[in-house]
Amino acid sequence: MGLVYDRYSPIVYSVALRVLADEGMAEDVLQDVFMQLWRNPAAFDTTRGGLGAWLAVITRNRAIDCLRKRRRETDIENVVVSVEPDLASEAERTRTVTKIRHTLGSMPVGQRTALEMAYFEGLTHSEIATKTGEPLGTIKTRIRTGLLALRGALAQ
């Protein structure tokens, strides 16, 4: 197990850090992944690929689970933001928000709804498809097209 850890821990840590952008949480995921391997080594199937790729996928999934858990635990009422007003930045932010609202308002309802569910409610594409009764491919296309429209509006 020590050799496996020495060989694959940099990969596992880097995947976790890339997803979480938090060193402490990435270290926790690293520990969890190797504890899972230690407790249940039979979960790895050699016929389906290499150990490194399997560990990377397990790590990515575990890190995403951590993000979702962290999102649920964060209570917006307990967050305190202390900044001094920067009028130039505030004016730019107001212009950006106006562009985004205008672009969202001009989108077809299905496209706007899919974007809102994905980015404001934190739902996955599959969850949106299930909730709306639309095919997964349609949801993905709507979100991608909507994001391209927003990107175009912000580039102006």
C-alpha atoms as a PDB file:
ATOM      1  CA  MET A   1       0.000   0.000   0.000  1.00  0.00           C
ATOM      2  CA  GLY A   2       2.925   2.310   0.702  1.00  0.00           C
ATOM      3  CA  LEU A   3       4.227   1.897  -2.840  1.00  0.00           C
ATOM      4  CA  VAL A   4       0.778   2.544  -4.288  1.00  0.00           C
ATOM      5  CA  TYR A   5       0.452   5.667  -2.160  1.00  0.00           C
ATOM      6  CA  ASP A   6       3.905   6.937  -3.134  1.00  0.00           C
ATOM      7  CA  ARG A   7       3.195   6.413  -6.810  1.00  0.00           C
ATOM      8  CA  TYR A   8      -0.385   7.706  -7.076  1.00  0.00           C
ATOM      9  CA  SER A   9      -0.817  10.253  -4.269  1.00  0.00           C
ATOM     10  CA  PRO A  10       0.493  13.161  -6.420  1.00  0.00           C
ATOM     11  CA  ILE A  11      -2.152  12.380  -9.057  1.00  0.00           C
ATOM     12  CA  VAL A  12      -4.931  12.041  -6.501  1.00  0.00           C
ATOM     13  CA  TYR A  13      -3.925  15.237  -4.707  1.00  0.00           C
ATOM     14  CA  SER A  14      -3.641  17.257  -7.921  1.00  0.00           C
ATOM     15  CA  VAL A  15      -7.078  16.142  -9.154  1.00  0.00           C
ATOM     16  CA  ALA A  16      -8.638  16.968  -5.787  1.00  0.00           C
ATOM     17  CA  LEU A  17      -6.894  20.339  -5.644  1.00  0.00           C
ATOM     18  CA  ARG A  18      -7.964  21.186  -9.192  1.00  0.00           C
ATOM     19  CA  VAL A  19     -11.634  20.488  -8.384  1.00  0.00           C
ATOM     20  CA  LEU A  20     -11.739  21.946  -4.877  1.00  0.00           C
ATOM     21  CA  ALA A  21      -9.197  24.799  -5.067  1.00  0.00           C
ATOM     22  CA  ASP A  22      -8.580  24.259  -1.341  1.00  0.00           C
ATOM     23  CA  GLU A  23      -5.445  22.529  -0.054  1.00  0.00           C
ATOM     24  CA  GLY A  24      -7.005  21.312   3.190  1.00  0.00           C
ATOM     25  CA  MET A  25     -10.027  19.798   1.498  1.00  0.00           C
ATOM     26  CA  ALA A  26      -7.790  18.243  -1.181  1.00  0.00           C
ATOM     27  CA  GLU A  27      -5.745  16.575   1.554  1.00  0.00           C
ATOM     28  CA  ASP A  28      -8.936  15.226   3.133  1.00  0.00           C
ATOM     29  CA  VAL A  29     -10.053  13.788  -0.213  1.00  0.00           C
ATOM     30  CA  LEU A  30      -6.598  12.267  -0.725  1.00  0.00           C
ATOM     31  CA  GLN A  31      -6.889  10.510   2.631  1.00  0.00           C
ATOM     32  CA  ASP A  32     -10.467   9.367   1.939  1.00  0.00           C
ATOM     33  CA  VAL A  33      -9.585   7.892  -1.461  1.00  0.00           C
ATOM     34  CA  PHE A  34      -6.681   5.859  -0.123  1.00  0.00           C
ATOM     35  CA  MET A  35      -8.689   4.729   2.906  1.00  0.00           C
ATOM     36  CA  GLN A  36     -11.392   3.538   0.506  1.00  0.00           C
ATOM     37  CA  LEU A  37      -8.777   1.607  -1.478  1.00  0.00           C
ATOM     38  CA  TRP A  38      -7.344   0.149   1.739  1.00  0.00           C
ATOM     39  CA  ARG A  39     -10.736  -0.949   3.047  1.00  0.00           C
ATOM     40  CA  ASN A  40     -12.075  -2.282  -0.254  1.00  0.00           C
ATOM     41  CA  PRO A  41      -9.296  -3.125  -2.725  1.00  0.00           C
ATOM     42  CA  ALA A  42     -11.693  -5.389  -4.647  1.00  0.00           C
ATOM     43  CA  ALA A  43     -13.557  -2.282  -5.851  1.00  0.00           C
ATOM     44  CA  PHE A  44     -10.765  -1.789  -8.381  1.00  0.00           C
ATOM     45  CA  ASP A  45     -11.359  -3.927 -11.481  1.00  0.00           C
ATOM     46  CA  THR A  46      -8.171  -4.453 -13.510  1.00  0.00           C
ATOM     47  CA  THR A  47     -10.162  -5.337 -16.617  1.00  0.00           C
ATOM     48  CA  ARG A  48     -11.665  -1.826 -16.795  1.00  0.00           C
ATOM     49  CA  GLY A  49      -8.415   0.170 -16.825  1.00  0.00           C
ATOM     50  CA  GLY A  50      -5.363   1.195 -14.869  1.00  0.00           C
ATOM     51  CA  LEU A  51      -5.179   2.025 -11.193  1.00  0.00           C
ATOM     52  CA  GLY A  52      -4.117   5.633 -11.792  1.00  0.00           C
ATOM     53  CA  ALA A  53      -7.106   6.401 -14.005  1.00  0.00           C
ATOM     54  CA  TRP A  54      -9.472   4.678 -11.577  1.00  0.00           C
ATOM     55  CA  LEU A  55      -8.083   6.645  -8.637  1.00  0.00           C
ATOM     56  CA  ALA A  56      -8.385   9.896 -10.618  1.00  0.00           C
ATOM     57  CA  VAL A  57     -12.069   9.229 -11.351  1.00  0.00           C
ATOM     58  CA  ILE A  58     -12.776   8.243  -7.738  1.00  0.00           C
ATOM     59  CA  THR A  59     -10.985  11.393  -6.580  1.00  0.00           C
ATOM     60  CA  ARG A  60     -12.906  13.647  -8.958  1.00  0.00           C
ATOM     61  CA  ASN A  61     -16.226  12.179  -7.829  1.00  0.00           C
ATOM     62  CA  ARG A  62     -15.292  12.478  -4.142  1.00  0.00           C
ATOM     63  CA  ALA A  63     -14.167  16.096  -4.633  1.00  0.00           C
ATOM     64  CA  ILE A  64     -17.430  16.998  -6.392  1.00  0.00           C
ATOM     65  CA  ASP A  65     -19.333  15.421  -3.504  1.00  0.00           C
ATOM     66  CA  CYS A  66     -17.335  17.636  -1.119  1.00  0.00           C
ATOM     67  CA  LEU A  67     -18.232  20.723  -3.148  1.00  0.00           C
ATOM     68  CA  ARG A  68     -21.910  19.844  -3.055  1.00  0.00           C
ATOM     69  CA  LYS A  69     -21.769  19.175   0.669  1.00  0.00           C
ATOM     70  CA  ARG A  70     -19.952  22.464   1.280  1.00  0.00           C
ATOM     71  CA  ARG A  71     -22.563  24.322  -0.797  1.00  0.00           C
ATOM     72  CA  ARG A  72     -25.373  22.875   1.337  1.00  0.00           C
ATOM     73  CA  GLU A  73     -23.567  23.702   4.598  1.00  0.00           C
ATOM     74  CA  THR A  74     -22.897  27.336   3.756  1.00  0.00           C
ATOM     75  CA  ASP A  75     -25.620  29.477   5.246  1.00  0.00           C
ATOM     76  CA  ILE A  76     -25.741  32.802   3.472  1.00  0.00           C
ATOM     77  CA  GLU A  77     -27.002  34.580   6.573  1.00  0.00           C
ATOM     78  CA  ASN A  78     -23.787  33.683   8.419  1.00  0.00           C
ATOM     79  CA  VAL A  79     -21.491  35.109   5.755  1.00  0.00           C
ATOM     80  CA  VAL A  80     -20.120  38.551   6.498  1.00  0.00           C
ATOM     81  CA  VAL A  81     -18.505  40.516   3.702  1.00  0.00           C
ATOM     82  CA  SER A  82     -16.538  43.579   4.635  1.00  0.00           C
ATOM     83  CA  VAL A  83     -15.274  45.719   1.776  1.00  0.00           C
ATOM     84  CA  GLU A  84     -14.821  49.378   1.193  1.00  0.00           C
ATOM     85  CA  PRO A  85     -16.869  50.734  -1.689  1.00  0.00           C
ATOM     86  CA  ASP A  86     -15.035  51.140  -4.971  1.00  0.00           C
ATOM     87  CA  LEU A  87     -17.276  53.284  -7.133  1.00  0.00           C
ATOM     88  CA  ALA A  88     -15.528  52.476 -10.431  1.00  0.00           C
ATOM     89  CA  SER A  89     -15.803  48.744  -9.777  1.00  0.00           C
ATOM     90  CA  GLU A  90     -19.383  49.161  -8.620  1.00  0.00           C
ATOM     91  CA  ALA A  91     -20.300  51.010 -11.814  1.00  0.00           C
ATOM     92  CA  GLU A  92     -18.668  48.297 -13.935  1.00  0.00           C
ATOM     93  CA  ARG A  93     -20.468  45.622 -11.929  1.00  0.00           C
ATOM     94  CA  THR A  94     -23.773  47.414 -12.463  1.00  0.00           C
ATOM     95  CA  ARG A  95     -23.166  47.570 -16.237  1.00  0.00           C
ATOM     96  CA  THR A  96     -22.258  43.878 -16.277  1.00  0.00           C
ATOM     97  CA  VAL A  97     -25.344  42.906 -14.285  1.00  0.00           C
ATOM     98  CA  THR A  98     -27.513  44.972 -16.619  1.00  0.00           C
ATOM     99  CA  LYS A  99     -26.036  43.214 -19.669  1.00  0.00           C
ATOM    100  CA  ILE A 100     -26.571  39.803 -18.074  1.00  0.00           C
ATOM    101  CA  ARG A 101     -30.166  40.587 -17.092  1.00  0.00           C
ATOM    102  CA  HIS A 102     -30.946  41.923 -20.557  1.00  0.00           C
ATOM    103  CA  THR A 103     -29.405  38.874 -22.245  1.00  0.00           C
ATOM    104  CA  LEU A 104     -31.201  36.463 -19.905  1.00  0.00           C
ATOM    105  CA  GLY A 105     -34.461  38.322 -20.481  1.00  0.00           C
ATOM    106  CA  SER A 106     -34.150  38.012 -24.244  1.00  0.00           C
ATOM    107  CA  MET A 107     -33.474  34.254 -24.146  1.00  0.00           C
ATOM    108  CA  PRO A 108     -36.163  31.675 -24.845  1.00  0.00           C
ATOM    109  CA  VAL A 109     -37.815  30.541 -21.603  1.00  0.00           C
ATOM    110  CA  GLY A 110     -36.459  26.982 -21.774  1.00  0.00           C
ATOM    111  CA  GLN A 111     -32.906  28.185 -22.255  1.00  0.00           C
ATOM    112  CA  ARG A 112     -33.106  30.741 -19.451  1.00  0.00           C
ATOM    113  CA  THR A 113     -34.697  28.203 -17.109  1.00  0.00           C
ATOM    114  CA  ALA A 114     -31.973  25.629 -17.803  1.00  0.00           C
ATOM    115  CA  LEU A 115     -29.245  28.213 -17.114  1.00  0.00           C
ATOM    116  CA  GLU A 116     -30.905  29.391 -13.915  1.00  0.00           C
ATOM    117  CA  MET A 117     -31.347  25.846 -12.645  1.00  0.00           C
ATOM    118  CA  ALA A 118     -27.716  25.016 -13.399  1.00  0.00           C
ATOM    119  CA  TYR A 119     -26.057  28.127 -12.036  1.00  0.00           C
ATOM    120  CA  PHE A 120     -28.403  29.499  -9.411  1.00  0.00           C
ATOM    121  CA  GLU A 121     -29.857  26.262  -8.051  1.00  0.00           C
ATOM    122  CA  GLY A 122     -26.680  24.196  -8.549  1.00  0.00           C
ATOM    123  CA  LEU A 123     -28.431  21.336 -10.369  1.00  0.00           C
ATOM    124  CA  THR A 124     -26.551  19.007 -12.699  1.00  0.00           C
ATOM    125  CA  HIS A 125     -27.574  18.636 -16.322  1.00  0.00           C
ATOM    126  CA  SER A 126     -29.143  15.260 -15.535  1.00  0.00           C
ATOM    127  CA  GLU A 127     -31.096  16.697 -12.608  1.00  0.00           C
ATOM    128  CA  ILE A 128     -32.392  19.509 -14.822  1.00  0.00           C
ATOM    129  CA  ALA A 129     -33.445  17.021 -17.504  1.00  0.00           C
ATOM    130  CA  THR A 130     -35.308  14.950 -14.933  1.00  0.00           C
ATOM    131  CA  LYS A 131     -36.952  17.978 -13.335  1.00  0.00           C
ATOM    132  CA  THR A 132     -38.072  19.514 -16.641  1.00  0.00           C
ATOM    133  CA  GLY A 133     -38.856  16.289 -18.487  1.00  0.00           C
ATOM    134  CA  GLU A 134     -36.618  17.378 -21.381  1.00  0.00           C
ATOM    135  CA  PRO A 135     -33.974  15.142 -22.997  1.00  0.00           C
ATOM    136  CA  LEU A 136     -30.460  15.500 -21.544  1.00  0.00           C
ATOM    137  CA  GLY A 137     -29.038  16.548 -24.921  1.00  0.00           C
ATOM    138  CA  THR A 138     -31.580  19.361 -25.184  1.00  0.00           C
ATOM    139  CA  ILE A 139     -30.623  20.648 -21.723  1.00  0.00           C
ATOM    140  CA  LYS A 140     -26.921  20.568 -22.578  1.00  0.00           C
ATOM    141  CA  THR A 141     -27.526  22.421 -25.842  1.00  0.00           C
ATOM    142  CA  ARG A 142     -29.665  25.063 -24.139  1.00  0.00           C
ATOM    143  CA  ILE A 143     -27.068  25.690 -21.454  1.00  0.00           C
ATOM    144  CA  ARG A 144     -24.205  25.864 -23.933  1.00  0.00           C
ATOM    145  CA  THR A 145     -26.088  28.200 -26.275  1.00  0.00           C
ATOM    146  CA  GLY A 146     -27.106  30.379 -23.349  1.00  0.00           C
ATOM    147  CA  LEU A 147     -23.544  30.603 -22.071  1.00  0.00           C
ATOM    148  CA  LEU A 148     -22.317  31.553 -25.534  1.00  0.00           C
ATOM    149  CA  ALA A 149     -24.958  34.306 -25.678  1.00  0.00           C
ATOM    150  CA  LEU A 150     -23.877  35.611 -22.274  1.00  0.00           C
ATOM    151  CA  ARG A 151     -20.221  35.509 -23.278  1.00  0.00           C
ATOM    152  CA  GLY A 152     -21.028  37.469 -26.444  1.00  0.00           C
ATOM    153  CA  ALA A 153     -22.993  40.062 -24.481  1.00  0.00           C
ATOM    154  CA  LEU A 154     -20.182  40.531 -21.984  1.00  0.00           C
ATOM    155  CA  ALA A 155     -17.575  40.859 -24.745  1.00  0.00           C
ATOM    156  CA  GLN A 156     -19.339  43.955 -26.117  1.00  0.00           C
END
